[in-house]
Structure formats: C-alpha cells, structure tokens
Amino acid sequence: MERTLIILKPDALQRSLMGDIVHRLERRGLQFIGLKLLIPTMELAQEHYKVHRERDFYPGLIDYITSSPVVAGVVEGVGVVKLVRETVGATRPVEATPGSIRGDLAVDVGRNLIHASDSAENGAVEVALWFRDDELVSYQLTNERWIHG
C-alpha cells in the first residue's frame, strides 16, 4: 500500500474549491486516511519545500503557502501516487489535461491549487512530515471490491 500527501493550497481554499477537489479524488475511488485544516508554520513550509531552496521562486512560495489555511490529506492505496498525480494534472495548468483538477480549475503555475507527492518514497517522507501516526486512520471501504475487483 502506498501513501501520498496532498495539500489543497491557499488558492484552493480562497476560491472555495476544497469540496470539489476532494470530491474529484474520492470519485476516482481514492481513500483518504487523514485530513486536516491548518496554516503551515514557516518551519514546516521550509522543510517541505527544501528541494527548491536555491530557486528564485522559493521565498515567494514560502510566503504563499503560509499566507492562509491549507488542507493536508493522506490518500492510501495500491498505485495511489500515480492515480493522484493523474487526477491532479500537470504542474503547469496550461499543460494539464482537461478533466484533471488543474486542467479544469487552475490557470497559473504559481496558483495551481494542489500539491501531490511525486513518488511513493517522497509520499512517505511528506506524510511523516505533515501527520503524526495517530492522525491517520486506516479502514476498509465497503465498495472496495467494486473499485479494485
């Protein structure tokens, strides 16, 4: 079972798209095992985005992600990283497939609504950064046999 982190960024909440985005992920058959609303601390944001520390856009990214509430979530399942990323769409909304979250709802790479882990390894690291073990609840969906066969 893989786990992946999703973050509904400040623009998603400020545009009142939280319900639509979560609904799209759930409709796909994805299972949330953790979900919380928070304003990320500077330390959390810096640790999460440390791979971009040397990039020109880093200070603005940190200011943006800490500027307003976000929703952090954990999705669990077989092949979940790829499924979530396909549902989310390309990082640059102009390159995102119509029908994807970014393809339908975002227009600017700096305000692309949602973060999704890019690998199972990074998913595990990011989940551990944003969630304590006691904040995650694994359970079996009653419709799982209709989703996975």
Protein backbone atom coordinates (compact mmCIF):
# COMPACT_ATOMS: atom_id res chain seq x y z
CA MET A 1 0.00 0.00 0.00
CA GLU A 2 1.31 3.42 -0.93
CA ARG A 3 0.53 6.66 0.82
CA THR A 4 0.67 10.07 -0.75
CA LEU A 5 0.30 13.57 0.62
CA ILE A 6 -1.99 16.10 -0.95
CA ILE A 7 -2.15 19.74 0.06
CA LEU A 8 -5.01 21.94 -1.04
CA LYS A 9 -3.11 25.20 -1.29
CA PRO A 10 -4.30 28.64 -0.17
CA ASP A 11 -5.79 29.46 -3.58
CA ALA A 12 -7.97 26.34 -3.46
CA LEU A 13 -9.45 27.40 -0.12
CA GLN A 14 -9.74 31.09 -1.01
CA ARG A 15 -11.59 30.11 -4.20
CA SER A 16 -13.92 27.74 -2.26
CA LEU A 17 -12.78 24.70 -4.28
CA MET A 18 -12.00 22.38 -1.34
CA GLY A 19 -15.16 20.29 -1.66
CA ASP A 20 -14.90 19.96 -5.43
CA ILE A 21 -11.24 18.87 -5.28
CA VAL A 22 -11.78 16.31 -2.51
CA HIS A 23 -14.87 15.05 -4.32
CA ARG A 24 -12.91 14.51 -7.55
CA LEU A 25 -10.32 12.44 -5.69
CA GLU A 26 -12.96 10.39 -3.88
CA ARG A 27 -14.96 9.82 -7.08
CA ARG A 28 -11.84 8.32 -8.60
CA GLY A 29 -12.02 5.67 -5.86
CA LEU A 30 -9.20 7.08 -3.74
CA GLN A 31 -9.33 6.64 0.02
CA PHE A 32 -8.46 9.42 2.46
CA ILE A 33 -7.00 8.19 5.75
CA GLY A 34 -6.11 11.64 7.11
CA LEU A 35 -7.38 15.16 6.57
CA LYS A 36 -6.78 18.41 8.44
CA LEU A 37 -7.05 22.17 8.11
CA LEU A 38 -4.04 24.22 9.20
CA ILE A 39 -1.91 27.24 8.50
CA PRO A 40 1.56 25.83 7.87
CA THR A 41 4.33 27.18 10.08
CA MET A 42 7.35 28.73 8.45
CA GLU A 43 9.42 25.74 9.63
CA LEU A 44 7.03 23.19 8.14
CA ALA A 45 6.87 25.05 4.82
CA GLN A 46 10.65 25.40 4.62
CA GLU A 47 11.18 21.70 5.35
CA HIS A 48 8.51 20.64 2.85
CA TYR A 49 9.90 22.80 0.04
CA LYS A 50 13.61 22.44 0.90
CA VAL A 51 14.36 20.95 -2.54
CA HIS A 52 13.52 24.38 -4.01
CA ARG A 53 15.61 26.38 -1.51
CA GLU A 54 18.09 27.61 -4.15
CA ARG A 55 15.43 28.59 -6.69
CA ASP A 56 14.39 32.21 -7.29
CA PHE A 57 10.73 31.46 -6.55
CA TYR A 58 11.41 29.88 -3.12
CA PRO A 59 10.79 32.96 -0.92
CA GLY A 60 7.50 33.69 -2.67
CA LEU A 61 6.48 30.03 -2.41
CA ILE A 62 7.09 30.02 1.36
CA ASP A 63 5.18 33.30 1.79
CA TYR A 64 2.29 31.94 -0.28
CA ILE A 65 1.92 28.54 1.41
CA THR A 66 1.99 30.13 4.90
CA SER A 67 -0.34 33.01 3.98
CA SER A 68 -3.67 31.27 4.53
CA PRO A 69 -5.12 27.92 5.62
CA VAL A 70 -4.43 24.77 3.64
CA VAL A 71 -5.95 21.31 3.82
CA ALA A 72 -3.44 18.50 4.15
CA GLY A 73 -4.58 14.99 3.38
CA VAL A 74 -3.23 11.47 3.13
CA VAL A 75 -4.52 9.10 0.49
CA GLU A 76 -3.73 5.39 0.71
CA GLY A 77 -3.96 2.59 -1.82
CA VAL A 78 -2.28 0.48 -4.46
CA GLY A 79 -0.57 2.70 -7.04
CA VAL A 80 -2.06 5.75 -5.34
CA VAL A 81 0.78 8.17 -6.20
CA LYS A 82 0.26 7.75 -9.93
CA LEU A 83 -3.54 7.82 -9.64
CA VAL A 84 -3.49 11.04 -7.61
CA ARG A 85 -1.00 12.74 -9.91
CA GLU A 86 -3.05 11.85 -12.98
CA THR A 87 -6.19 13.19 -11.31
CA VAL A 88 -4.37 16.38 -10.26
CA GLY A 89 -2.80 17.05 -13.69
CA ALA A 90 0.48 18.61 -14.79
CA THR A 91 2.19 21.18 -12.54
CA ARG A 92 1.71 23.86 -15.18
CA PRO A 93 -2.05 24.24 -15.64
CA VAL A 94 -1.67 25.16 -19.32
CA GLU A 95 -0.14 21.68 -19.82
CA ALA A 96 -2.71 19.85 -17.68
CA THR A 97 -5.19 17.57 -19.37
CA PRO A 98 -8.80 18.75 -19.49
CA GLY A 99 -10.70 16.77 -16.87
CA SER A 100 -7.84 16.96 -14.38
CA ILE A 101 -8.11 19.24 -11.36
CA ARG A 102 -5.52 21.70 -12.66
CA GLY A 103 -6.70 21.36 -16.25
CA ASP A 104 -10.22 22.39 -15.29
CA LEU A 105 -9.69 24.78 -12.38
CA ALA A 106 -6.22 26.38 -12.47
CA VAL A 107 -4.57 28.84 -14.86
CA ASP A 108 -1.23 29.81 -13.26
CA VAL A 109 1.67 27.61 -12.11
CA GLY A 110 2.08 29.81 -9.03
CA ARG A 111 -1.56 29.20 -8.06
CA ASN A 112 -2.09 25.61 -9.17
CA LEU A 113 -4.42 24.63 -6.30
CA ILE A 114 -2.91 21.38 -5.08
CA HIS A 115 0.30 19.59 -4.17
CA ALA A 116 0.65 15.83 -4.66
CA SER A 117 3.70 13.75 -3.78
CA ASP A 118 5.74 12.82 -6.85
CA SER A 119 6.83 9.33 -5.73
CA ALA A 120 5.99 6.69 -3.15
CA GLU A 121 9.27 7.47 -1.38
CA ASN A 122 8.54 11.20 -1.20
CA GLY A 123 4.96 10.40 -0.22
CA ALA A 124 6.17 8.50 2.84
CA VAL A 125 8.53 11.34 3.82
CA GLU A 126 5.90 14.04 3.28
CA VAL A 127 3.17 12.15 5.14
CA ALA A 128 5.51 11.76 8.13
CA LEU A 129 6.33 15.49 7.99
CA TRP A 130 2.69 16.65 7.97
CA PHE A 131 0.95 13.93 10.04
CA ARG A 132 1.57 12.01 13.24
CA ASP A 133 0.75 8.30 13.14
CA ASP A 134 -2.20 8.81 15.49
CA GLU A 135 -3.77 11.25 13.00
CA LEU A 136 -4.13 8.54 10.35
CA VAL A 137 -6.99 6.05 10.27
CA SER A 138 -6.73 3.02 8.00
CA TYR A 139 -10.03 1.30 7.25
CA GLN A 140 -11.63 -0.78 4.53
CA LEU A 141 -14.09 0.82 2.16
CA THR A 142 -17.24 -1.24 1.74
CA ASN A 143 -17.18 -0.56 -2.01
CA GLU A 144 -13.54 -1.60 -2.46
CA ARG A 145 -14.43 -4.80 -4.37
CA TRP A 146 -16.32 -2.62 -6.88
CA ILE A 147 -13.31 -0.36 -7.37
CA HIS A 148 -10.46 -2.88 -7.43
CA GLY A 149 -12.20 -6.07 -8.49
